[in-house]
Amino acid sequence: MTNLGQMLKQAQAMQAKMAEMQAGLARIEITGSAGGGMVRVTLNGKGEMRGVKIDPGLMAPGEVGVLEDLIVAAGNDARAKLDARLAEEMSKLTGGIELPPGMKLPF
């Protein structure tokens, strides 16, 4: 039974660390860009969009389609950077032990 008790304590400690990590992630911001930096999208650690910056030169009437594509590309770039950051933080939390496939952060 001691092993079960130790496992429960470890699970509780991991849960507390996970909650602490989630709170910290809400405070970070990751920015992705497209078009050589002409469009930038900023996400917080939970994946919520916090800002969009667009170079005024892209505001020409005939450039709407290009602008839309660049916004999507910048958002995808920010998401890829955020996913990499989350994987890095999770690796720190788990001591480098990889989680089973399909198991992700709880948000």
PDB file of N, CA and C in Angstrom:
ATOM      1  N   MET A   1       0.811  -1.206   0.000  1.00  0.00           N
ATOM      2  CA  MET A   1       0.000   0.000   0.000  1.00  0.00           C
ATOM      3  C   MET A   1       0.853   1.268   0.000  1.00  0.00           C
ATOM      4  N   THR A   2       2.091   1.172   0.448  1.00  0.00           N
ATOM      5  CA  THR A   2       2.943   2.362   0.465  1.00  0.00           C
ATOM      6  C   THR A   2       3.155   2.878  -0.947  1.00  0.00           C
ATOM      7  N   ASN A   3       3.332   1.970  -1.893  1.00  0.00           N
ATOM      8  CA  ASN A   3       3.541   2.381  -3.272  1.00  0.00           C
ATOM      9  C   ASN A   3       2.329   3.138  -3.808  1.00  0.00           C
ATOM     10  N   LEU A   4       1.129   2.674  -3.462  1.00  0.00           N
ATOM     11  CA  LEU A   4      -0.084   3.351  -3.894  1.00  0.00           C
ATOM     12  C   LEU A   4      -0.146   4.748  -3.279  1.00  0.00           C
ATOM     13  N   GLY A   5       0.213   4.850  -2.015  1.00  0.00           N
ATOM     14  CA  GLY A   5       0.230   6.143  -1.343  1.00  0.00           C
ATOM     15  C   GLY A   5       1.227   7.098  -1.985  1.00  0.00           C
ATOM     16  N   GLN A   6       2.386   6.569  -2.312  1.00  0.00           N
ATOM     17  CA  GLN A   6       3.400   7.395  -2.975  1.00  0.00           C
ATOM     18  C   GLN A   6       2.925   7.826  -4.356  1.00  0.00           C
ATOM     19  N   MET A   7       2.282   6.919  -5.079  1.00  0.00           N
ATOM     20  CA  MET A   7       1.773   7.254  -6.408  1.00  0.00           C
ATOM     21  C   MET A   7       0.713   8.349  -6.325  1.00  0.00           C
ATOM     22  N   LEU A   8      -0.143   8.278  -5.326  1.00  0.00           N
ATOM     23  CA  LEU A   8      -1.169   9.308  -5.154  1.00  0.00           C
ATOM     24  C   LEU A   8      -0.544  10.662  -4.835  1.00  0.00           C
ATOM     25  N   LYS A   9       0.474  10.661  -3.988  1.00  0.00           N
ATOM     26  CA  LYS A   9       1.167  11.913  -3.661  1.00  0.00           C
ATOM     27  C   LYS A   9       1.838  12.503  -4.902  1.00  0.00           C
ATOM     28  N   GLN A  10       2.462  11.633  -5.695  1.00  0.00           N
ATOM     29  CA  GLN A  10       3.104  12.102  -6.929  1.00  0.00           C
ATOM     30  C   GLN A  10       2.076  12.663  -7.902  1.00  0.00           C
ATOM     31  N   ALA A  11       0.919  12.003  -7.998  1.00  0.00           N
ATOM     32  CA  ALA A  11      -0.141  12.478  -8.892  1.00  0.00           C
ATOM     33  C   ALA A  11      -0.658  13.835  -8.426  1.00  0.00           C
ATOM     34  N   GLN A  12      -0.804  14.022  -7.124  1.00  0.00           N
ATOM     35  CA  GLN A  12      -1.266  15.296  -6.597  1.00  0.00           C
ATOM     36  C   GLN A  12      -0.230  16.392  -6.842  1.00  0.00           C
ATOM     37  N   ALA A  13       1.041  16.058  -6.668  1.00  0.00           N
ATOM     38  CA  ALA A  13       2.107  17.034  -6.924  1.00  0.00           C
ATOM     39  C   ALA A  13       2.124  17.414  -8.399  1.00  0.00           C
ATOM     40  N   MET A  14       1.959  16.439  -9.283  1.00  0.00           N
ATOM     41  CA  MET A  14       1.923  16.707 -10.723  1.00  0.00           C
ATOM     42  C   MET A  14       0.730  17.587 -11.068  1.00  0.00           C
ATOM     43  N   GLN A  15      -0.404  17.324 -10.433  1.00  0.00           N
ATOM     44  CA  GLN A  15      -1.602  18.123 -10.679  1.00  0.00           C
ATOM     45  C   GLN A  15      -1.374  19.571 -10.241  1.00  0.00           C
ATOM     46  N   ALA A  16      -0.733  19.771  -9.112  1.00  0.00           N
ATOM     47  CA  ALA A  16      -0.445  21.125  -8.634  1.00  0.00           C
ATOM     48  C   ALA A  16       0.514  21.844  -9.582  1.00  0.00           C
ATOM     49  N   LYS A  17       1.526  21.129 -10.059  1.00  0.00           N
ATOM     50  CA  LYS A  17       2.466  21.731 -11.009  1.00  0.00           C
ATOM     51  C   LYS A  17       1.766  22.083 -12.321  1.00  0.00           C
ATOM     52  N   MET A  18       0.848  21.229 -12.752  1.00  0.00           N
ATOM     53  CA  MET A  18       0.101  21.472 -13.986  1.00  0.00           C
ATOM     54  C   MET A  18      -0.746  22.741 -13.844  1.00  0.00           C
ATOM     55  N   ALA A  19      -1.409  22.901 -12.707  1.00  0.00           N
ATOM     56  CA  ALA A  19      -2.225  24.094 -12.483  1.00  0.00           C
ATOM     57  C   ALA A  19      -1.351  25.342 -12.484  1.00  0.00           C
ATOM     58  N   GLU A  20      -0.176  25.249 -11.864  1.00  0.00           N
ATOM     59  CA  GLU A  20       0.761  26.372 -11.841  1.00  0.00           C
ATOM     60  C   GLU A  20       1.232  26.710 -13.256  1.00  0.00           C
ATOM     61  N   MET A  21       1.522  25.680 -14.043  1.00  0.00           N
ATOM     62  CA  MET A  21       1.967  25.891 -15.416  1.00  0.00           C
ATOM     63  C   MET A  21       0.867  26.551 -16.245  1.00  0.00           C
ATOM     64  N   GLN A  22      -0.368  26.109 -16.082  1.00  0.00           N
ATOM     65  CA  GLN A  22      -1.480  26.691 -16.827  1.00  0.00           C
ATOM     66  C   GLN A  22      -1.645  28.170 -16.502  1.00  0.00           C
ATOM     67  N   ALA A  23      -1.524  28.522 -15.239  1.00  0.00           N
ATOM     68  CA  ALA A  23      -1.635  29.928 -14.849  1.00  0.00           C
ATOM     69  C   ALA A  23      -0.514  30.742 -15.491  1.00  0.00           C
ATOM     70  N   GLY A  24       0.678  30.189 -15.528  1.00  0.00           N
ATOM     71  CA  GLY A  24       1.799  30.879 -16.149  1.00  0.00           C
ATOM     72  C   GLY A  24       1.622  31.030 -17.649  1.00  0.00           C
ATOM     73  N   LEU A  25       1.057  30.016 -18.291  1.00  0.00           N
ATOM     74  CA  LEU A  25       0.855  30.074 -19.734  1.00  0.00           C
ATOM     75  C   LEU A  25      -0.142  31.151 -20.132  1.00  0.00           C
ATOM     76  N   ALA A  26      -1.107  31.418 -19.280  1.00  0.00           N
ATOM     77  CA  ALA A  26      -2.090  32.456 -19.588  1.00  0.00           C
ATOM     78  C   ALA A  26      -1.414  33.827 -19.694  1.00  0.00           C
ATOM     79  N   ARG A  27      -0.262  33.969 -19.065  1.00  0.00           N
ATOM     80  CA  ARG A  27       0.439  35.264 -19.072  1.00  0.00           C
ATOM     81  C   ARG A  27       1.421  35.421 -20.231  1.00  0.00           C
ATOM     82  N   ILE A  28       1.792  34.334 -20.901  1.00  0.00           N
ATOM     83  CA  ILE A  28       2.759  34.471 -21.989  1.00  0.00           C
ATOM     84  C   ILE A  28       2.052  34.878 -23.274  1.00  0.00           C
ATOM     85  N   GLU A  29       2.793  35.495 -24.167  1.00  0.00           N
ATOM     86  CA  GLU A  29       2.274  35.844 -25.480  1.00  0.00           C
ATOM     87  C   GLU A  29       3.262  35.388 -26.535  1.00  0.00           C
ATOM     88  N   ILE A  30       2.740  34.817 -27.604  1.00  0.00           N
ATOM     89  CA  ILE A  30       3.531  34.326 -28.721  1.00  0.00           C
ATOM     90  C   ILE A  30       3.042  35.049 -29.970  1.00  0.00           C
ATOM     91  N   THR A  31       3.973  35.571 -30.764  1.00  0.00           N
ATOM     92  CA  THR A  31       3.603  36.285 -31.982  1.00  0.00           C
ATOM     93  C   THR A  31       4.092  35.529 -33.206  1.00  0.00           C
ATOM     94  N   GLY A  32       3.187  35.347 -34.151  1.00  0.00           N
ATOM     95  CA  GLY A  32       3.518  34.759 -35.441  1.00  0.00           C
ATOM     96  C   GLY A  32       3.423  35.825 -36.503  1.00  0.00           C
ATOM     97  N   SER A  33       4.162  35.646 -37.590  1.00  0.00           N
ATOM     98  CA  SER A  33       4.123  36.664 -38.634  1.00  0.00           C
ATOM     99  C   SER A  33       4.072  36.031 -40.013  1.00  0.00           C
ATOM    100  N   ALA A  34       3.691  36.847 -40.977  1.00  0.00           N
ATOM    101  CA  ALA A  34       3.637  36.417 -42.375  1.00  0.00           C
ATOM    102  C   ALA A  34       3.922  37.632 -43.252  1.00  0.00           C
ATOM    103  N   GLY A  35       4.282  37.350 -44.492  1.00  0.00           N
ATOM    104  CA  GLY A  35       4.547  38.446 -45.426  1.00  0.00           C
ATOM    105  C   GLY A  35       5.739  39.277 -45.003  1.00  0.00           C
ATOM    106  N   GLY A  36       6.780  38.604 -44.502  1.00  0.00           N
ATOM    107  CA  GLY A  36       7.969  39.342 -44.077  1.00  0.00           C
ATOM    108  C   GLY A  36       7.705  40.267 -42.895  1.00  0.00           C
ATOM    109  N   GLY A  37       6.750  39.890 -42.058  1.00  0.00           N
ATOM    110  CA  GLY A  37       6.437  40.690 -40.876  1.00  0.00           C
ATOM    111  C   GLY A  37       5.370  41.748 -41.120  1.00  0.00           C
ATOM    112  N   MET A  38       4.795  41.759 -42.314  1.00  0.00           N
ATOM    113  CA  MET A  38       3.765  42.762 -42.619  1.00  0.00           C
ATOM    114  C   MET A  38       2.460  42.487 -41.875  1.00  0.00           C
ATOM    115  N   VAL A  39       2.255  41.230 -41.504  1.00  0.00           N
ATOM    116  CA  VAL A  39       1.091  40.858 -40.694  1.00  0.00           C
ATOM    117  C   VAL A  39       1.602  40.059 -39.509  1.00  0.00           C
ATOM    118  N   ARG A  40       1.175  40.457 -38.292  1.00  0.00           N
ATOM    119  CA  ARG A  40       1.569  39.753 -37.074  1.00  0.00           C
ATOM    120  C   ARG A  40       0.320  39.452 -36.251  1.00  0.00           C
ATOM    121  N   VAL A  41       0.272  38.225 -35.743  1.00  0.00           N
ATOM    122  CA  VAL A  41      -0.837  37.795 -34.890  1.00  0.00           C
ATOM    123  C   VAL A  41      -0.241  37.344 -33.563  1.00  0.00           C
ATOM    124  N   THR A  42      -0.819  37.824 -32.465  1.00  0.00           N
ATOM    125  CA  THR A  42      -0.346  37.470 -31.128  1.00  0.00           C
ATOM    126  C   THR A  42      -1.405  36.638 -30.413  1.00  0.00           C
ATOM    127  N   LEU A  43      -0.951  35.506 -29.863  1.00  0.00           N
ATOM    128  CA  LEU A  43      -1.816  34.618 -29.083  1.00  0.00           C
ATOM    129  C   LEU A  43      -1.281  34.548 -27.655  1.00  0.00           C
ATOM    130  N   ASN A  44      -2.179  34.299 -26.705  1.00  0.00           N
ATOM    131  CA  ASN A  44      -1.692  34.019 -25.357  1.00  0.00           C
ATOM    132  C   ASN A  44      -1.447  32.523 -25.248  1.00  0.00           C
ATOM    133  N   GLY A  45      -0.978  32.081 -24.099  1.00  0.00           N
ATOM    134  CA  GLY A  45      -0.625  30.677 -23.914  1.00  0.00           C
ATOM    135  C   GLY A  45      -1.791  29.722 -23.990  1.00  0.00           C
ATOM    136  N   LYS A  46      -3.001  30.239 -23.939  1.00  0.00           N
ATOM    137  CA  LYS A  46      -4.184  29.384 -24.060  1.00  0.00           C
ATOM    138  C   LYS A  46      -4.710  29.360 -25.487  1.00  0.00           C
ATOM    139  N   GLY A  47      -4.000  30.043 -26.396  1.00  0.00           N
ATOM    140  CA  GLY A  47      -4.407  30.050 -27.795  1.00  0.00           C
ATOM    141  C   GLY A  47      -5.405  31.133 -28.148  1.00  0.00           C
ATOM    142  N   GLU A  48      -5.703  32.018 -27.209  1.00  0.00           N
ATOM    143  CA  GLU A  48      -6.642  33.103 -27.476  1.00  0.00           C
ATOM    144  C   GLU A  48      -5.914  34.232 -28.202  1.00  0.00           C
ATOM    145  N   MET A  49      -6.540  34.762 -29.254  1.00  0.00           N
ATOM    146  CA  MET A  49      -5.918  35.837 -30.013  1.00  0.00           C
ATOM    147  C   MET A  49      -5.960  37.127 -29.191  1.00  0.00           C
ATOM    148  N   ARG A  50      -4.799  37.757 -29.081  1.00  0.00           N
ATOM    149  CA  ARG A  50      -4.675  38.982 -28.302  1.00  0.00           C
ATOM    150  C   ARG A  50      -4.427  40.219 -29.150  1.00  0.00           C
ATOM    151  N   GLY A  51      -3.992  40.024 -30.389  1.00  0.00           N
ATOM    152  CA  GLY A  51      -3.754  41.196 -31.212  1.00  0.00           C
ATOM    153  C   GLY A  51      -3.394  40.838 -32.638  1.00  0.00           C
ATOM    154  N   VAL A  52      -3.662  41.788 -33.539  1.00  0.00           N
ATOM    155  CA  VAL A  52      -3.306  41.665 -34.946  1.00  0.00           C
ATOM    156  C   VAL A  52      -2.703  42.999 -35.358  1.00  0.00           C
ATOM    157  N   LYS A  53      -1.542  42.950 -36.002  1.00  0.00           N
ATOM    158  CA  LYS A  53      -0.892  44.150 -36.530  1.00  0.00           C
ATOM    159  C   LYS A  53      -0.784  43.974 -38.038  1.00  0.00           C
ATOM    160  N   ILE A  54      -1.212  44.989 -38.781  1.00  0.00           N
ATOM    161  CA  ILE A  54      -1.185  44.930 -40.233  1.00  0.00           C
ATOM    162  C   ILE A  54      -0.466  46.160 -40.761  1.00  0.00           C
ATOM    163  N   ASP A  55       0.504  45.936 -41.636  1.00  0.00           N
ATOM    164  CA  ASP A  55       1.221  47.032 -42.276  1.00  0.00           C
ATOM    165  C   ASP A  55       0.220  47.828 -43.114  1.00  0.00           C
ATOM    166  N   PRO A  56       0.172  49.149 -42.958  1.00  0.00           N
ATOM    167  CA  PRO A  56      -0.786  49.972 -43.711  1.00  0.00           C
ATOM    168  C   PRO A  56      -0.668  49.816 -45.230  1.00  0.00           C
ATOM    169  N   GLY A  57       0.495  49.428 -45.736  1.00  0.00           N
ATOM    170  CA  GLY A  57       0.668  49.244 -47.166  1.00  0.00           C
ATOM    171  C   GLY A  57      -0.182  48.119 -47.741  1.00  0.00           C
ATOM    172  N   LEU A  58      -0.691  47.243 -46.890  1.00  0.00           N
ATOM    173  CA  LEU A  58      -1.537  46.142 -47.339  1.00  0.00           C
ATOM    174  C   LEU A  58      -3.013  46.524 -47.427  1.00  0.00           C
ATOM    175  N   MET A  59      -3.330  47.758 -47.131  1.00  0.00           N
ATOM    176  CA  MET A  59      -4.729  48.181 -47.077  1.00  0.00           C
ATOM    177  C   MET A  59      -5.299  48.626 -48.426  1.00  0.00           C
ATOM    178  N   ALA A  60      -4.606  48.376 -49.500  1.00  0.00           N
ATOM    179  CA  ALA A  60      -5.106  48.745 -50.824  1.00  0.00           C
ATOM    180  C   ALA A  60      -6.343  47.912 -51.157  1.00  0.00           C
ATOM    181  N   PRO A  61      -7.326  48.508 -51.827  1.00  0.00           N
ATOM    182  CA  PRO A  61      -8.577  47.795 -52.122  1.00  0.00           C
ATOM    183  C   PRO A  61      -8.389  46.466 -52.844  1.00  0.00           C
ATOM    184  N   GLY A  62      -7.444  46.364 -53.720  1.00  0.00           N
ATOM    185  CA  GLY A  62      -7.246  45.134 -54.470  1.00  0.00           C
ATOM    186  C   GLY A  62      -6.460  44.074 -53.718  1.00  0.00           C
ATOM    187  N   GLU A  63      -6.037  44.356 -52.515  1.00  0.00           N
ATOM    188  CA  GLU A  63      -5.198  43.449 -51.739  1.00  0.00           C
ATOM    189  C   GLU A  63      -5.949  42.691 -50.653  1.00  0.00           C
ATOM    190  N   VAL A  64      -7.254  42.735 -50.659  1.00  0.00           N
ATOM    191  CA  VAL A  64      -8.044  42.101 -49.590  1.00  0.00           C
ATOM    192  C   VAL A  64      -7.762  40.603 -49.503  1.00  0.00           C
ATOM    193  N   GLY A  65      -7.730  39.912 -50.634  1.00  0.00           N
ATOM    194  CA  GLY A  65      -7.474  38.472 -50.631  1.00  0.00           C
ATOM    195  C   GLY A  65      -6.092  38.144 -50.089  1.00  0.00           C
ATOM    196  N   VAL A  66      -5.106  38.936 -50.474  1.00  0.00           N
ATOM    197  CA  VAL A  66      -3.740  38.731 -49.977  1.00  0.00           C
ATOM    198  C   VAL A  66      -3.702  38.963 -48.477  1.00  0.00           C
ATOM    199  N   LEU A  67      -4.353  40.024 -48.031  1.00  0.00           N
ATOM    200  CA  LEU A  67      -4.387  40.341 -46.598  1.00  0.00           C
ATOM    201  C   LEU A  67      -5.036  39.213 -45.804  1.00  0.00           C
ATOM    202  N   GLU A  68      -6.141  38.685 -46.297  1.00  0.00           N
ATOM    203  CA  GLU A  68      -6.817  37.577 -45.608  1.00  0.00           C
ATOM    204  C   GLU A  68      -5.892  36.363 -45.502  1.00  0.00           C
ATOM    205  N   ASP A  69      -5.209  36.048 -46.593  1.00  0.00           N
ATOM    206  CA  ASP A  69      -4.279  34.909 -46.582  1.00  0.00           C
ATOM    207  C   ASP A  69      -3.143  35.128 -45.593  1.00  0.00           C
ATOM    208  N   LEU A  70      -2.624  36.350 -45.538  1.00  0.00           N
ATOM    209  CA  LEU A  70      -1.521  36.651 -44.629  1.00  0.00           C
ATOM    210  C   LEU A  70      -1.960  36.573 -43.165  1.00  0.00           C
ATOM    211  N   ILE A  71      -3.186  36.974 -42.878  1.00  0.00           N
ATOM    212  CA  ILE A  71      -3.694  36.884 -41.502  1.00  0.00           C
ATOM    213  C   ILE A  71      -3.788  35.417 -41.082  1.00  0.00           C
ATOM    214  N   VAL A  72      -4.303  34.582 -41.967  1.00  0.00           N
ATOM    215  CA  VAL A  72      -4.395  33.141 -41.668  1.00  0.00           C
ATOM    216  C   VAL A  72      -2.998  32.559 -41.470  1.00  0.00           C
ATOM    217  N   ALA A  73      -2.067  32.922 -42.357  1.00  0.00           N
ATOM    218  CA  ALA A  73      -0.701  32.393 -42.258  1.00  0.00           C
ATOM    219  C   ALA A  73      -0.033  32.843 -40.960  1.00  0.00           C
ATOM    220  N   ALA A  74      -0.221  34.095 -40.578  1.00  0.00           N
ATOM    221  CA  ALA A  74       0.368  34.594 -39.332  1.00  0.00           C
ATOM    222  C   ALA A  74      -0.250  33.898 -38.126  1.00  0.00           C
ATOM    223  N   GLY A  75      -1.559  33.660 -38.161  1.00  0.00           N
ATOM    224  CA  GLY A  75      -2.218  32.936 -37.080  1.00  0.00           C
ATOM    225  C   GLY A  75      -1.695  31.519 -36.958  1.00  0.00           C
ATOM    226  N   ASN A  76      -1.505  30.857 -38.092  1.00  0.00           N
ATOM    227  CA  ASN A  76      -0.967  29.498 -38.080  1.00  0.00           C
ATOM    228  C   ASN A  76       0.471  29.472 -37.578  1.00  0.00           C
ATOM    229  N   ASP A  77       1.261  30.488 -37.940  1.00  0.00           N
ATOM    230  CA  ASP A  77       2.639  30.581 -37.459  1.00  0.00           C
ATOM    231  C   ASP A  77       2.662  30.749 -35.940  1.00  0.00           C
ATOM    232  N   ALA A  78       1.789  31.614 -35.431  1.00  0.00           N
ATOM    233  CA  ALA A  78       1.715  31.822 -33.982  1.00  0.00           C
ATOM    234  C   ALA A  78       1.301  30.541 -33.283  1.00  0.00           C
ATOM    235  N   ARG A  79       0.344  29.815 -33.853  1.00  0.00           N
ATOM    236  CA  ARG A  79      -0.126  28.569 -33.230  1.00  0.00           C
ATOM    237  C   ARG A  79       0.981  27.515 -33.204  1.00  0.00           C
ATOM    238  N   ALA A  80       1.754  27.431 -34.291  1.00  0.00           N
ATOM    239  CA  ALA A  80       2.862  26.463 -34.333  1.00  0.00           C
ATOM    240  C   ALA A  80       3.904  26.797 -33.269  1.00  0.00           C
ATOM    241  N   LYS A  81       4.205  28.081 -33.109  1.00  0.00           N
ATOM    242  CA  LYS A  81       5.161  28.501 -32.084  1.00  0.00           C
ATOM    243  C   LYS A  81       4.612  28.209 -30.688  1.00  0.00           C
ATOM    244  N   LEU A  82       3.327  28.442 -30.501  1.00  0.00           N
ATOM    245  CA  LEU A  82       2.701  28.171 -29.206  1.00  0.00           C
ATOM    246  C   LEU A  82       2.729  26.677 -28.898  1.00  0.00           C
ATOM    247  N   ASP A  83       2.411  25.842 -29.886  1.00  0.00           N
ATOM    248  CA  ASP A  83       2.444  24.391 -29.676  1.00  0.00           C
ATOM    249  C   ASP A  83       3.843  23.927 -29.269  1.00  0.00           C
ATOM    250  N   ALA A  84       4.874  24.498 -29.913  1.00  0.00           N
ATOM    251  CA  ALA A  84       6.253  24.138 -29.570  1.00  0.00           C
ATOM    252  C   ALA A  84       6.566  24.563 -28.138  1.00  0.00           C
ATOM    253  N   ARG A  85       6.114  25.741 -27.751  1.00  0.00           N
ATOM    254  CA  ARG A  85       6.352  26.237 -26.389  1.00  0.00           C
ATOM    255  C   ARG A  85       5.641  25.364 -25.362  1.00  0.00           C
ATOM    256  N   LEU A  86       4.396  24.973 -25.671  1.00  0.00           N
ATOM    257  CA  LEU A  86       3.644  24.119 -24.756  1.00  0.00           C
ATOM    258  C   LEU A  86       4.322  22.764 -24.602  1.00  0.00           C
ATOM    259  N   ALA A  87       4.822  22.212 -25.695  1.00  0.00           N
ATOM    260  CA  ALA A  87       5.528  20.926 -25.632  1.00  0.00           C
ATOM    261  C   ALA A  87       6.780  21.051 -24.775  1.00  0.00           C
ATOM    262  N   GLU A  88       7.479  22.169 -24.910  1.00  0.00           N
ATOM    263  CA  GLU A  88       8.685  22.409 -24.108  1.00  0.00           C
ATOM    264  C   GLU A  88       8.342  22.503 -22.627  1.00  0.00           C
ATOM    265  N   GLU A  89       7.272  23.231 -22.305  1.00  0.00           N
ATOM    266  CA  GLU A  89       6.857  23.374 -20.905  1.00  0.00           C
ATOM    267  C   GLU A  89       6.390  22.035 -20.331  1.00  0.00           C
ATOM    268  N   MET A  90       5.675  21.263 -21.134  1.00  0.00           N
ATOM    269  CA  MET A  90       5.198  19.964 -20.672  1.00  0.00           C
ATOM    270  C   MET A  90       6.373  19.025 -20.430  1.00  0.00           C
ATOM    271  N   SER A  91       7.381  19.110 -21.278  1.00  0.00           N
ATOM    272  CA  SER A  91       8.569  18.276 -21.113  1.00  0.00           C
ATOM    273  C   SER A  91       9.268  18.603 -19.796  1.00  0.00           C
ATOM    274  N   LYS A  92       9.318  19.888 -19.452  1.00  0.00           N
ATOM    275  CA  LYS A  92       9.908  20.293 -18.173  1.00  0.00           C
ATOM    276  C   LYS A  92       9.103  19.710 -17.009  1.00  0.00           C
ATOM    277  N   LEU A  93       7.786  19.755 -17.151  1.00  0.00           N
ATOM    278  CA  LEU A  93       6.900  19.297 -16.087  1.00  0.00           C
ATOM    279  C   LEU A  93       6.997  17.789 -15.872  1.00  0.00           C
ATOM    280  N   THR A  94       7.108  17.050 -16.963  1.00  0.00           N
ATOM    281  CA  THR A  94       7.126  15.594 -16.861  1.00  0.00           C
ATOM    282  C   THR A  94       8.539  15.034 -16.750  1.00  0.00           C
ATOM    283  N   GLY A  95       9.513  15.900 -16.692  1.00  0.00           N
ATOM    284  CA  GLY A  95      10.892  15.443 -16.575  1.00  0.00           C
ATOM    285  C   GLY A  95      11.396  14.784 -17.843  1.00  0.00           C
ATOM    286  N   GLY A  96      10.864  15.186 -18.990  1.00  0.00           N
ATOM    287  CA  GLY A  96      11.311  14.640 -20.263  1.00  0.00           C
ATOM    288  C   GLY A  96      10.585  13.382 -20.694  1.00  0.00           C
ATOM    289  N   ILE A  97       9.717  12.863 -19.833  1.00  0.00           N
ATOM    290  CA  ILE A  97       8.950  11.670 -20.195  1.00  0.00           C
ATOM    291  C   ILE A  97       7.829  12.099 -21.129  1.00  0.00           C
ATOM    292  N   GLU A  98       7.753  11.480 -22.294  1.00  0.00           N
ATOM    293  CA  GLU A  98       6.725  11.853 -23.254  1.00  0.00           C
ATOM    294  C   GLU A  98       5.382  11.279 -22.836  1.00  0.00           C
ATOM    295  N   LEU A  99       4.330  12.071 -23.096  1.00  0.00           N
ATOM    296  CA  LEU A  99       2.981  11.616 -22.800  1.00  0.00           C
ATOM    297  C   LEU A  99       2.522  10.650 -23.886  1.00  0.00           C
ATOM    298  N   PRO A 100       1.583   9.775 -23.555  1.00  0.00           N
ATOM    299  CA  PRO A 100       1.060   8.850 -24.566  1.00  0.00           C
ATOM    300  C   PRO A 100       0.420   9.630 -25.722  1.00  0.00           C
ATOM    301  N   PRO A 101       0.417   9.051 -26.929  1.00  0.00           N
ATOM    302  CA  PRO A 101      -0.179   9.735 -28.082  1.00  0.00           C
ATOM    303  C   PRO A 101      -1.626  10.141 -27.805  1.00  0.00           C
ATOM    304  N   GLY A 102      -1.979  11.342 -28.199  1.00  0.00           N
ATOM    305  CA  GLY A 102      -3.335  11.841 -28.011  1.00  0.00           C
ATOM    306  C   GLY A 102      -3.557  12.519 -26.674  1.00  0.00           C
ATOM    307  N   MET A 103      -2.654  12.349 -25.740  1.00  0.00           N
ATOM    308  CA  MET A 103      -2.799  12.987 -24.432  1.00  0.00           C
ATOM    309  C   MET A 103      -2.162  14.366 -24.493  1.00  0.00           C
ATOM    310  N   LYS A 104      -2.970  15.393 -24.223  1.00  0.00           N
ATOM    311  CA  LYS A 104      -2.493  16.766 -24.321  1.00  0.00           C
ATOM    312  C   LYS A 104      -2.745  17.495 -23.015  1.00  0.00           C
ATOM    313  N   LEU A 105      -2.303  18.741 -23.007  1.00  0.00           N
ATOM    314  CA  LEU A 105      -2.601  19.577 -21.853  1.00  0.00           C
ATOM    315  C   LEU A 105      -4.111  19.675 -21.692  1.00  0.00           C
ATOM    316  N   PRO A 106      -4.582  19.856 -20.470  1.00  0.00           N
ATOM    317  CA  PRO A 106      -6.031  19.816 -20.246  1.00  0.00           C
ATOM    318  C   PRO A 106      -6.759  21.104 -20.626  1.00  0.00           C
ATOM    319  N   PHE A 107      -6.318  21.834 -21.647  1.00  0.00           N
ATOM    320  CA  PHE A 107      -7.092  22.978 -22.123  1.00  0.00           C
ATOM    321  C   PHE A 107      -7.001  23.096 -23.602  1.00  0.00           C
TER     322      PHE A 107
END
